Amino acid sequence: MLRRRKRVRQGIKCLEQSIQEEAQYRGLIMELEQILRDHYVIRYLNCRAKDLPALDIRFGVGRYIPQEIADA
């Protein structure tokens, strides 16, 4: 019975860890997509970096702000 409880606890711990890692990867992917989108706009539309927020509003694109930055 104790072995089973231990395995269940270990399984739950592994599941929590994988969910946490998945959330981190999702955040990194969203940041990378935003960087690539900004690069495309700057390069091919001859836009300046300071004009990016206005273009995002104009085209209805939401900007991803990581929680760590939003809390600062």
N, C-alpha and C. Protein backbone atom coordinates (compact mmCIF):
# COMPACT_ATOMS: atom_id res chain seq x y z
N MET A 1 0.81 -1.20 0.00
CA MET A 1 0.00 0.00 0.00
C MET A 1 0.86 1.27 0.00
N LEU A 2 1.95 1.26 0.77
CA LEU A 2 2.83 2.43 0.82
C LEU A 2 3.53 2.65 -0.51
N ARG A 3 3.90 1.57 -1.16
CA ARG A 3 4.56 1.71 -2.47
C ARG A 3 3.62 2.35 -3.48
N ARG A 4 2.38 1.93 -3.41
CA ARG A 4 1.40 2.48 -4.35
C ARG A 4 1.21 3.98 -4.11
N ARG A 5 1.11 4.39 -2.85
CA ARG A 5 0.97 5.81 -2.53
C ARG A 5 2.19 6.60 -3.01
N LYS A 6 3.35 6.00 -2.81
CA LYS A 6 4.59 6.67 -3.23
C LYS A 6 4.61 6.84 -4.75
N ARG A 7 4.20 5.79 -5.47
CA ARG A 7 4.16 5.89 -6.93
C ARG A 7 3.14 6.93 -7.39
N VAL A 8 2.01 6.98 -6.71
CA VAL A 8 0.99 7.97 -7.06
C VAL A 8 1.52 9.38 -6.82
N ARG A 9 2.17 9.60 -5.67
CA ARG A 9 2.74 10.92 -5.39
C ARG A 9 3.81 11.30 -6.40
N GLN A 10 4.65 10.34 -6.77
CA GLN A 10 5.68 10.61 -7.77
C GLN A 10 5.05 10.92 -9.12
N GLY A 11 3.99 10.19 -9.46
CA GLY A 11 3.30 10.44 -10.72
C GLY A 11 2.68 11.81 -10.76
N ILE A 12 2.06 12.21 -9.65
CA ILE A 12 1.46 13.54 -9.58
C ILE A 12 2.53 14.61 -9.67
N LYS A 13 3.66 14.40 -9.00
CA LYS A 13 4.75 15.36 -9.04
C LYS A 13 5.30 15.50 -10.46
N CYS A 14 5.46 14.38 -11.17
CA CYS A 14 5.94 14.42 -12.55
C CYS A 14 4.94 15.13 -13.46
N LEU A 15 3.66 14.88 -13.24
CA LEU A 15 2.63 15.53 -14.04
C LEU A 15 2.64 17.04 -13.82
N GLU A 16 2.75 17.47 -12.57
CA GLU A 16 2.81 18.91 -12.27
C GLU A 16 4.03 19.55 -12.92
N GLN A 17 5.15 18.86 -12.88
CA GLN A 17 6.38 19.39 -13.48
C GLN A 17 6.24 19.51 -14.99
N SER A 18 5.64 18.52 -15.63
CA SER A 18 5.49 18.58 -17.09
C SER A 18 4.52 19.68 -17.50
N ILE A 19 3.47 19.90 -16.72
CA ILE A 19 2.53 20.98 -17.02
C ILE A 19 3.23 22.33 -16.89
N GLN A 20 4.06 22.47 -15.87
CA GLN A 20 4.80 23.72 -15.66
C GLN A 20 5.77 23.97 -16.81
N GLU A 21 6.48 22.93 -17.25
CA GLU A 21 7.41 23.07 -18.37
C GLU A 21 6.66 23.42 -19.66
N GLU A 22 5.50 22.81 -19.86
CA GLU A 22 4.71 23.10 -21.05
C GLU A 22 4.29 24.57 -21.07
N ALA A 23 3.91 25.11 -19.93
CA ALA A 23 3.52 26.52 -19.85
C ALA A 23 4.71 27.42 -20.18
N GLN A 24 5.90 27.05 -19.71
CA GLN A 24 7.09 27.84 -20.02
C GLN A 24 7.37 27.81 -21.52
N TYR A 25 7.27 26.64 -22.13
CA TYR A 25 7.52 26.53 -23.57
C TYR A 25 6.49 27.33 -24.36
N ARG A 26 5.24 27.29 -23.93
CA ARG A 26 4.20 28.04 -24.63
C ARG A 26 4.52 29.53 -24.59
N GLY A 27 4.98 30.02 -23.45
CA GLY A 27 5.35 31.43 -23.34
C GLY A 27 6.52 31.78 -24.24
N LEU A 28 7.52 30.90 -24.30
CA LEU A 28 8.68 31.14 -25.17
C LEU A 28 8.28 31.15 -26.63
N ILE A 29 7.40 30.25 -27.01
CA ILE A 29 6.94 30.20 -28.41
C ILE A 29 6.18 31.47 -28.76
N MET A 30 5.35 31.95 -27.85
CA MET A 30 4.61 33.19 -28.11
C MET A 30 5.57 34.37 -28.26
N GLU A 31 6.59 34.43 -27.42
CA GLU A 31 7.58 35.50 -27.54
C GLU A 31 8.34 35.42 -28.86
N LEU A 32 8.71 34.21 -29.26
CA LEU A 32 9.42 34.03 -30.52
C LEU A 32 8.56 34.44 -31.70
N GLU A 33 7.29 34.08 -31.69
CA GLU A 33 6.38 34.49 -32.77
C GLU A 33 6.30 36.01 -32.86
N GLN A 34 6.25 36.66 -31.71
CA GLN A 34 6.18 38.13 -31.71
C GLN A 34 7.46 38.74 -32.25
N ILE A 35 8.60 38.19 -31.87
CA ILE A 35 9.88 38.69 -32.37
C ILE A 35 9.96 38.54 -33.88
N LEU A 36 9.55 37.38 -34.39
CA LEU A 36 9.59 37.15 -35.84
C LEU A 36 8.62 38.07 -36.57
N ARG A 37 7.44 38.27 -35.98
CA ARG A 37 6.46 39.18 -36.60
C ARG A 37 7.01 40.60 -36.64
N ASP A 38 7.61 41.05 -35.54
CA ASP A 38 8.20 42.39 -35.50
C ASP A 38 9.32 42.52 -36.53
N HIS A 39 10.14 41.50 -36.64
CA HIS A 39 11.24 41.52 -37.61
C HIS A 39 10.69 41.64 -39.04
N TYR A 40 9.65 40.86 -39.33
CA TYR A 40 9.05 40.90 -40.67
C TYR A 40 8.53 42.31 -40.97
N VAL A 41 7.81 42.90 -40.01
CA VAL A 41 7.23 44.23 -40.23
C VAL A 41 8.33 45.26 -40.42
N ILE A 42 9.36 45.22 -39.58
CA ILE A 42 10.45 46.20 -39.69
C ILE A 42 11.18 46.04 -41.02
N ARG A 43 11.42 44.81 -41.41
CA ARG A 43 12.23 44.58 -42.61
C ARG A 43 11.46 44.83 -43.91
N TYR A 44 10.26 44.27 -44.01
CA TYR A 44 9.56 44.29 -45.30
C TYR A 44 8.59 45.44 -45.47
N LEU A 45 8.19 46.08 -44.38
CA LEU A 45 7.30 47.23 -44.50
C LEU A 45 8.04 48.54 -44.25
N ASN A 46 9.37 48.43 -44.12
CA ASN A 46 10.21 49.60 -43.86
C ASN A 46 9.67 50.43 -42.70
N CYS A 47 9.40 49.75 -41.63
CA CYS A 47 8.85 50.38 -40.43
C CYS A 47 9.95 50.54 -39.39
N ARG A 48 9.77 51.50 -38.50
CA ARG A 48 10.71 51.67 -37.40
C ARG A 48 10.17 50.94 -36.17
N ALA A 49 11.06 50.58 -35.28
CA ALA A 49 10.67 49.82 -34.08
C ALA A 49 9.68 50.60 -33.22
N LYS A 50 9.84 51.91 -33.16
CA LYS A 50 8.94 52.69 -32.31
C LYS A 50 7.52 52.78 -32.90
N ASP A 51 7.35 52.44 -34.19
CA ASP A 51 6.03 52.46 -34.82
C ASP A 51 5.28 51.13 -34.67
N LEU A 52 5.93 50.11 -34.12
CA LEU A 52 5.30 48.79 -34.01
C LEU A 52 4.01 48.79 -33.19
N PRO A 53 3.96 49.42 -32.02
CA PRO A 53 2.70 49.40 -31.26
C PRO A 53 1.52 50.00 -32.03
N ALA A 54 1.75 51.07 -32.78
CA ALA A 54 0.67 51.68 -33.57
C ALA A 54 0.21 50.74 -34.67
N LEU A 55 1.14 50.04 -35.31
CA LEU A 55 0.77 49.08 -36.35
C LEU A 55 0.01 47.89 -35.77
N ASP A 56 0.40 47.46 -34.58
CA ASP A 56 -0.32 46.36 -33.93
C ASP A 56 -1.77 46.74 -33.69
N ILE A 57 -1.99 47.96 -33.23
CA ILE A 57 -3.36 48.43 -32.99
C ILE A 57 -4.11 48.54 -34.32
N ARG A 58 -3.45 49.06 -35.33
CA ARG A 58 -4.08 49.25 -36.64
C ARG A 58 -4.53 47.93 -37.24
N PHE A 59 -3.70 46.89 -37.12
CA PHE A 59 -4.02 45.60 -37.72
C PHE A 59 -4.67 44.63 -36.73
N GLY A 60 -4.93 45.08 -35.51
CA GLY A 60 -5.62 44.25 -34.53
C GLY A 60 -4.81 43.09 -34.00
N VAL A 61 -3.51 43.28 -33.90
CA VAL A 61 -2.63 42.22 -33.40
C VAL A 61 -2.32 42.50 -31.94
N GLY A 62 -2.57 41.52 -31.09
CA GLY A 62 -2.26 41.70 -29.67
C GLY A 62 -0.80 41.41 -29.40
N ARG A 63 -0.22 42.18 -28.51
CA ARG A 63 1.18 41.96 -28.13
C ARG A 63 1.20 41.10 -26.89
N TYR A 64 2.12 40.15 -26.87
CA TYR A 64 2.30 39.27 -25.72
C TYR A 64 3.28 39.91 -24.76
N ILE A 65 2.85 40.09 -23.52
CA ILE A 65 3.73 40.64 -22.49
C ILE A 65 3.88 39.57 -21.41
N PRO A 66 5.08 39.02 -21.24
CA PRO A 66 5.27 37.99 -20.22
C PRO A 66 4.87 38.50 -18.84
N GLN A 67 4.38 37.61 -18.00
CA GLN A 67 3.90 37.98 -16.67
C GLN A 67 4.99 38.65 -15.84
N GLU A 68 6.24 38.19 -15.99
CA GLU A 68 7.33 38.78 -15.22
C GLU A 68 7.51 40.25 -15.56
N ILE A 69 7.34 40.60 -16.82
CA ILE A 69 7.49 41.98 -17.26
C ILE A 69 6.27 42.80 -16.85
N ALA A 70 5.09 42.22 -16.96
CA ALA A 70 3.87 42.93 -16.61
C ALA A 70 3.83 43.26 -15.12
N ASP A 71 4.39 42.39 -14.28
CA ASP A 71 4.39 42.62 -12.84
C ASP A 71 5.43 43.64 -12.40
N ALA A 72 6.44 43.87 -13.22
CA ALA A 72 7.54 44.77 -12.83
C ALA A 72 7.12 46.22 -12.81
